[in-house]
Every structure is written in structure tokens, then in C-alpha cells.
Amino acid sequence: MLSPFSSEKKQMVSFCSPSGEELRKFTEELRESITEVNEMEQIHIQWELKREQGVQTHTPHTNGGQMGTHSAHTGSPTGCCRPTT
């Protein structure tokens, strides 16, 4: 759906419930979920920035003829995703 007030696209959701209380609970839980997703996204962005800074500050060094880089971070801060290389 295109907003008449801006060029920004917005999604519309219809929710039918037998009571206003159920609708209130649903919207409250939806807001909480959106807040949690936004917080997790910020954590992920911060983690990626720290990981990138760690990769840039570590220079390769020789160890018995082998090249290697070391990073303090090896996984996702949430433990749910693998870092991309």
C-alpha cells in the first residue's frame, strides 16, 4: 500500500477478533516483537562492525611458514547464525 502522505510503502494488516481485549493483546505483543527484532538487529550490526574492525586490525603473521589471521569473534552474538566470509 502506498501512503498518500509520502512515497514510502506501508503494509496493512486486518485483524478480526471477537473482543477488543484480544485485539489489544495482539497489538501489544506485536509491538513487543517489533521492538525485540529491532534490538536484535542493532546487536547484530554492532557485532558485525566489531568483527570487521577485528579483521582489519589483525595482520597476517608467519608461524612455521603458514599464514594465518586470528579474530576474537568466531560466531554470532546470538548463537543462531554463522558469520559470512
N, C-alpha and C. Protein backbone atom coordinates (compact mmCIF):
# COMPACT_ATOMS: atom_id res chain seq x y z
N MET A 1 0.85 -1.17 0.00
CA MET A 1 0.00 0.00 0.00
C MET A 1 0.90 1.23 0.00
N LEU A 2 0.57 2.19 -0.79
CA LEU A 2 1.34 3.43 -0.89
C LEU A 2 0.66 4.49 -0.04
N SER A 3 1.43 5.11 0.84
CA SER A 3 0.88 6.15 1.71
C SER A 3 0.57 7.40 0.89
N PRO A 4 -0.59 8.02 1.12
CA PRO A 4 -0.90 9.25 0.40
C PRO A 4 -0.05 10.44 0.86
N PHE A 5 0.62 10.29 2.01
CA PHE A 5 1.40 11.39 2.58
C PHE A 5 2.87 11.33 2.22
N SER A 6 3.33 10.21 1.71
CA SER A 6 4.73 10.07 1.33
C SER A 6 4.86 8.99 0.27
N SER A 7 6.06 8.84 -0.26
CA SER A 7 6.29 7.79 -1.26
C SER A 7 6.66 6.46 -0.60
N GLU A 8 6.63 6.43 0.72
CA GLU A 8 7.00 5.23 1.46
C GLU A 8 5.90 4.18 1.36
N LYS A 9 6.30 2.94 1.10
CA LYS A 9 5.33 1.85 1.04
C LYS A 9 5.09 1.34 2.45
N LYS A 10 3.84 1.05 2.76
CA LYS A 10 3.48 0.53 4.07
C LYS A 10 2.59 -0.69 3.88
N GLN A 11 2.67 -1.60 4.84
CA GLN A 11 1.82 -2.78 4.78
C GLN A 11 0.65 -2.59 5.72
N MET A 12 -0.49 -3.11 5.31
CA MET A 12 -1.69 -3.01 6.13
C MET A 12 -2.09 -4.42 6.55
N VAL A 13 -2.49 -4.55 7.81
CA VAL A 13 -2.90 -5.84 8.34
C VAL A 13 -4.32 -5.69 8.86
N SER A 14 -5.16 -6.65 8.53
CA SER A 14 -6.52 -6.69 9.06
C SER A 14 -6.58 -7.78 10.11
N PHE A 15 -7.20 -7.50 11.23
CA PHE A 15 -7.30 -8.46 12.31
C PHE A 15 -8.73 -8.46 12.82
N CYS A 16 -9.36 -9.61 12.78
CA CYS A 16 -10.73 -9.74 13.28
C CYS A 16 -10.68 -10.50 14.59
N SER A 17 -11.30 -9.95 15.60
CA SER A 17 -11.33 -10.64 16.88
C SER A 17 -12.72 -10.47 17.49
N PRO A 18 -13.10 -11.44 18.30
CA PRO A 18 -14.42 -11.34 18.93
C PRO A 18 -14.49 -10.27 20.02
N SER A 19 -13.32 -9.82 20.49
CA SER A 19 -13.36 -8.81 21.55
C SER A 19 -12.24 -7.79 21.38
N GLY A 20 -12.45 -6.64 21.94
CA GLY A 20 -11.43 -5.60 21.92
C GLY A 20 -10.21 -5.98 22.75
N GLU A 21 -10.43 -6.78 23.79
CA GLU A 21 -9.32 -7.22 24.65
C GLU A 21 -8.33 -8.08 23.86
N GLU A 22 -8.84 -8.99 23.03
CA GLU A 22 -7.95 -9.81 22.21
C GLU A 22 -7.18 -8.95 21.22
N LEU A 23 -7.82 -7.97 20.65
CA LEU A 23 -7.15 -7.07 19.72
C LEU A 23 -6.06 -6.27 20.44
N ARG A 24 -6.35 -5.81 21.65
CA ARG A 24 -5.37 -5.07 22.44
C ARG A 24 -4.16 -5.95 22.76
N LYS A 25 -4.40 -7.19 23.18
CA LYS A 25 -3.31 -8.12 23.48
C LYS A 25 -2.46 -8.38 22.24
N PHE A 26 -3.13 -8.59 21.12
CA PHE A 26 -2.41 -8.86 19.87
C PHE A 26 -1.51 -7.69 19.50
N THR A 27 -2.05 -6.47 19.54
CA THR A 27 -1.24 -5.31 19.15
C THR A 27 -0.10 -5.08 20.14
N GLU A 28 -0.34 -5.35 21.42
CA GLU A 28 0.73 -5.21 22.41
C GLU A 28 1.86 -6.21 22.14
N GLU A 29 1.50 -7.45 21.88
CA GLU A 29 2.51 -8.47 21.58
C GLU A 29 3.24 -8.18 20.28
N LEU A 30 2.52 -7.66 19.30
CA LEU A 30 3.14 -7.30 18.03
C LEU A 30 4.16 -6.18 18.23
N ARG A 31 3.81 -5.17 19.01
CA ARG A 31 4.76 -4.08 19.29
C ARG A 31 5.99 -4.61 20.01
N GLU A 32 5.79 -5.49 20.99
CA GLU A 32 6.93 -6.07 21.71
C GLU A 32 7.83 -6.87 20.75
N SER A 33 7.22 -7.62 19.86
CA SER A 33 8.00 -8.41 18.90
C SER A 33 8.81 -7.51 17.97
N ILE A 34 8.20 -6.44 17.51
CA ILE A 34 8.90 -5.49 16.64
C ILE A 34 10.07 -4.86 17.38
N THR A 35 9.86 -4.49 18.64
CA THR A 35 10.93 -3.91 19.46
C THR A 35 12.08 -4.91 19.62
N GLU A 36 11.75 -6.17 19.90
CA GLU A 36 12.78 -7.20 20.07
C GLU A 36 13.57 -7.40 18.78
N VAL A 37 12.89 -7.43 17.65
CA VAL A 37 13.57 -7.61 16.37
C VAL A 37 14.51 -6.43 16.11
N ASN A 38 14.06 -5.22 16.39
CA ASN A 38 14.90 -4.04 16.20
C ASN A 38 16.13 -4.09 17.10
N GLU A 39 15.95 -4.53 18.36
CA GLU A 39 17.08 -4.64 19.28
C GLU A 39 18.07 -5.69 18.79
N MET A 40 17.57 -6.84 18.32
CA MET A 40 18.45 -7.89 17.82
C MET A 40 19.20 -7.42 16.57
N GLU A 41 18.53 -6.64 15.74
CA GLU A 41 19.19 -6.11 14.55
C GLU A 41 20.32 -5.17 14.94
N GLN A 42 20.10 -4.33 15.96
CA GLN A 42 21.15 -3.42 16.42
C GLN A 42 22.33 -4.20 17.00
N ILE A 43 22.04 -5.25 17.76
CA ILE A 43 23.11 -6.09 18.32
C ILE A 43 23.91 -6.74 17.18
N HIS A 44 23.21 -7.23 16.18
CA HIS A 44 23.88 -7.87 15.05
C HIS A 44 24.75 -6.87 14.29
N ILE A 45 24.25 -5.66 14.08
CA ILE A 45 25.02 -4.63 13.38
C ILE A 45 26.27 -4.28 14.18
N GLN A 46 26.12 -4.10 15.50
CA GLN A 46 27.27 -3.78 16.34
C GLN A 46 28.28 -4.92 16.31
N TRP A 47 27.80 -6.16 16.36
CA TRP A 47 28.70 -7.31 16.32
C TRP A 47 29.45 -7.36 15.00
N GLU A 48 28.75 -7.13 13.89
CA GLU A 48 29.40 -7.13 12.58
C GLU A 48 30.46 -6.04 12.49
N LEU A 49 30.16 -4.85 13.01
CA LEU A 49 31.14 -3.76 12.99
C LEU A 49 32.38 -4.13 13.81
N LYS A 50 32.18 -4.70 14.99
CA LYS A 50 33.31 -5.11 15.82
C LYS A 50 34.11 -6.21 15.13
N ARG A 51 33.41 -7.13 14.48
CA ARG A 51 34.08 -8.22 13.78
C ARG A 51 34.91 -7.66 12.63
N GLU A 52 34.35 -6.73 11.88
CA GLU A 52 35.08 -6.11 10.77
C GLU A 52 36.30 -5.35 11.28
N GLN A 53 36.15 -4.64 12.39
CA GLN A 53 37.29 -3.91 12.97
C GLN A 53 38.35 -4.89 13.42
N GLY A 54 37.94 -6.03 13.97
CA GLY A 54 38.89 -7.04 14.41
C GLY A 54 39.65 -7.63 13.24
N VAL A 55 38.99 -7.85 12.12
CA VAL A 55 39.65 -8.40 10.94
C VAL A 55 40.63 -7.39 10.38
N GLN A 56 40.27 -6.10 10.38
CA GLN A 56 41.14 -5.07 9.83
C GLN A 56 42.35 -4.81 10.70
N THR A 57 42.22 -4.94 12.02
CA THR A 57 43.35 -4.63 12.90
C THR A 57 44.32 -5.80 13.03
N HIS A 58 43.89 -7.00 12.71
CA HIS A 58 44.78 -8.16 12.79
C HIS A 58 45.48 -8.33 11.45
N THR A 59 46.80 -8.35 11.49
CA THR A 59 47.57 -8.55 10.26
C THR A 59 48.06 -9.98 10.22
N PRO A 60 48.18 -10.55 9.03
CA PRO A 60 48.68 -11.92 8.92
C PRO A 60 50.13 -11.99 9.41
N HIS A 61 50.46 -13.09 10.06
CA HIS A 61 51.84 -13.29 10.50
C HIS A 61 52.24 -14.73 10.19
N THR A 62 53.53 -14.95 10.11
CA THR A 62 54.02 -16.29 9.78
C THR A 62 54.20 -17.09 11.05
N ASN A 63 53.86 -18.37 10.95
CA ASN A 63 54.03 -19.28 12.07
C ASN A 63 54.44 -20.62 11.47
N GLY A 64 55.72 -20.84 11.39
CA GLY A 64 56.21 -22.08 10.79
C GLY A 64 55.95 -22.12 9.29
N GLY A 65 55.96 -20.96 8.66
CA GLY A 65 55.74 -20.91 7.22
C GLY A 65 54.29 -20.82 6.81
N GLN A 66 53.36 -20.89 7.77
CA GLN A 66 51.94 -20.81 7.44
C GLN A 66 51.43 -19.42 7.75
N MET A 67 50.56 -18.92 6.88
CA MET A 67 49.95 -17.62 7.10
C MET A 67 48.65 -17.84 7.86
N GLY A 68 48.35 -16.92 8.77
CA GLY A 68 47.09 -17.06 9.49
C GLY A 68 46.65 -15.74 10.06
N THR A 69 45.36 -15.60 10.23
CA THR A 69 44.80 -14.43 10.91
C THR A 69 43.99 -14.94 12.08
N HIS A 70 43.95 -14.16 13.10
CA HIS A 70 43.21 -14.55 14.30
C HIS A 70 42.21 -13.46 14.62
N SER A 71 41.03 -13.87 14.99
CA SER A 71 39.99 -12.93 15.39
C SER A 71 39.41 -13.39 16.71
N ALA A 72 39.06 -12.44 17.54
CA ALA A 72 38.50 -12.78 18.84
C ALA A 72 37.08 -13.31 18.70
N HIS A 73 36.38 -12.97 17.62
CA HIS A 73 34.99 -13.37 17.44
C HIS A 73 34.92 -14.50 16.43
N THR A 74 34.27 -15.60 16.82
CA THR A 74 34.15 -16.71 15.90
C THR A 74 32.71 -17.04 15.57
N GLY A 75 31.76 -16.49 16.26
CA GLY A 75 30.37 -16.81 15.99
C GLY A 75 29.48 -15.63 16.21
N SER A 76 28.22 -15.85 16.01
CA SER A 76 27.22 -14.79 16.17
C SER A 76 27.00 -14.49 17.64
N PRO A 77 26.68 -13.25 18.00
CA PRO A 77 26.43 -12.92 19.40
C PRO A 77 25.19 -13.62 19.93
N THR A 78 24.28 -13.99 19.04
CA THR A 78 23.07 -14.67 19.47
C THR A 78 23.21 -16.18 19.42
N GLY A 79 24.27 -16.66 18.76
CA GLY A 79 24.48 -18.09 18.65
C GLY A 79 23.59 -18.75 17.62
N CYS A 80 22.85 -17.96 16.84
CA CYS A 80 21.91 -18.56 15.89
C CYS A 80 22.43 -18.56 14.47
N CYS A 81 23.40 -17.78 14.18
CA CYS A 81 23.84 -17.64 12.79
C CYS A 81 25.35 -17.75 12.71
N ARG A 82 25.81 -18.23 11.57
CA ARG A 82 27.24 -18.28 11.33
C ARG A 82 27.67 -17.01 10.62
N PRO A 83 28.85 -16.50 10.92
CA PRO A 83 29.32 -15.31 10.20
C PRO A 83 29.61 -15.65 8.75
N THR A 84 29.36 -14.70 7.88
CA THR A 84 29.66 -14.91 6.47
C THR A 84 31.09 -14.52 6.20
N THR A 85 31.70 -15.21 5.24
CA THR A 85 33.09 -14.90 4.90
C THR A 85 33.19 -14.47 3.47
